[in-house]
Amino acid sequence: MTTTDLHKINTEADLDAVVESVLQDAGVEYEDLRRQAILGRFESEKLRRAWFVIAGLGRD
């Protein structure tokens, strides 16, 4: 996702689409990313940022 990508979140489906987009961009499955967050050890800075985006959307 680039800084020019904007997403309006009006529905649960919109939220799901944004989360899926973040996961795809990071190249990770949700459960793997969640495991890294629980351990507090991310494999990369990109994955750490992806988790904080998802957590900020209330999908953690």
Protein backbone atom coordinates (compact mmCIF):
# COMPACT_ATOMS: atom_id res chain seq x y z
CA MET A 1 0.00 0.00 0.00
CA THR A 2 1.36 3.42 -0.84
CA THR A 3 0.75 6.70 0.90
CA THR A 4 -1.57 7.67 -1.95
CA ASP A 5 -3.88 4.70 -1.35
CA LEU A 6 -6.96 5.83 0.56
CA HIS A 7 -9.64 3.54 1.91
CA LYS A 8 -13.04 4.50 3.21
CA ILE A 9 -14.21 2.14 5.89
CA ASN A 10 -17.98 2.17 6.06
CA THR A 11 -18.78 -1.50 6.59
CA GLU A 12 -17.29 -4.66 8.08
CA ALA A 13 -16.55 -5.78 4.52
CA ASP A 14 -14.57 -2.59 3.92
CA LEU A 15 -12.60 -3.23 7.11
CA ASP A 16 -11.92 -6.83 6.09
CA ALA A 17 -10.69 -5.61 2.69
CA VAL A 18 -8.27 -3.14 4.28
CA VAL A 19 -6.90 -5.78 6.65
CA GLU A 20 -6.48 -8.22 3.76
CA SER A 21 -4.69 -5.55 1.74
CA VAL A 22 -2.27 -4.86 4.60
CA LEU A 23 -1.56 -8.58 5.03
CA GLN A 24 -1.00 -9.08 1.31
CA ASP A 25 1.31 -6.08 1.12
CA ALA A 26 3.31 -7.43 4.05
CA GLY A 27 3.35 -10.94 2.57
CA VAL A 28 2.12 -12.61 5.76
CA GLU A 29 -0.85 -14.56 7.06
CA TYR A 30 -2.82 -13.07 9.96
CA GLU A 31 -2.06 -15.91 12.39
CA ASP A 32 1.69 -15.69 11.75
CA LEU A 33 1.63 -11.94 12.25
CA ARG A 34 -0.44 -12.33 15.42
CA ARG A 35 2.04 -14.89 16.76
CA GLN A 36 4.89 -12.46 16.19
CA ALA A 37 2.94 -9.74 18.01
CA ILE A 38 2.25 -12.02 20.98
CA LEU A 39 5.95 -12.86 21.19
CA GLY A 40 6.86 -9.21 20.76
CA ARG A 41 9.36 -10.19 18.07
CA PHE A 42 8.61 -9.22 14.50
CA GLU A 43 10.63 -10.64 11.63
CA SER A 44 10.87 -7.19 10.04
CA GLU A 45 9.95 -3.57 10.53
CA LYS A 46 7.37 -3.92 7.76
CA LEU A 47 5.61 -6.68 9.70
CA ARG A 48 5.68 -4.63 12.89
CA ARG A 49 4.06 -1.71 11.09
CA ALA A 50 1.48 -4.03 9.52
CA TRP A 51 0.50 -5.31 12.97
CA PHE A 52 0.07 -1.81 14.34
CA VAL A 53 -2.14 -0.88 11.38
CA ILE A 54 -4.31 -3.93 11.95
CA ALA A 55 -4.37 -3.47 15.73
CA GLY A 56 -5.31 0.20 15.22
CA LEU A 57 -8.28 -0.90 13.14
CA GLY A 58 -9.51 -3.04 15.99
CA ARG A 59 -8.76 -6.35 14.29
CA ASP A 60 -6.27 -7.71 16.78
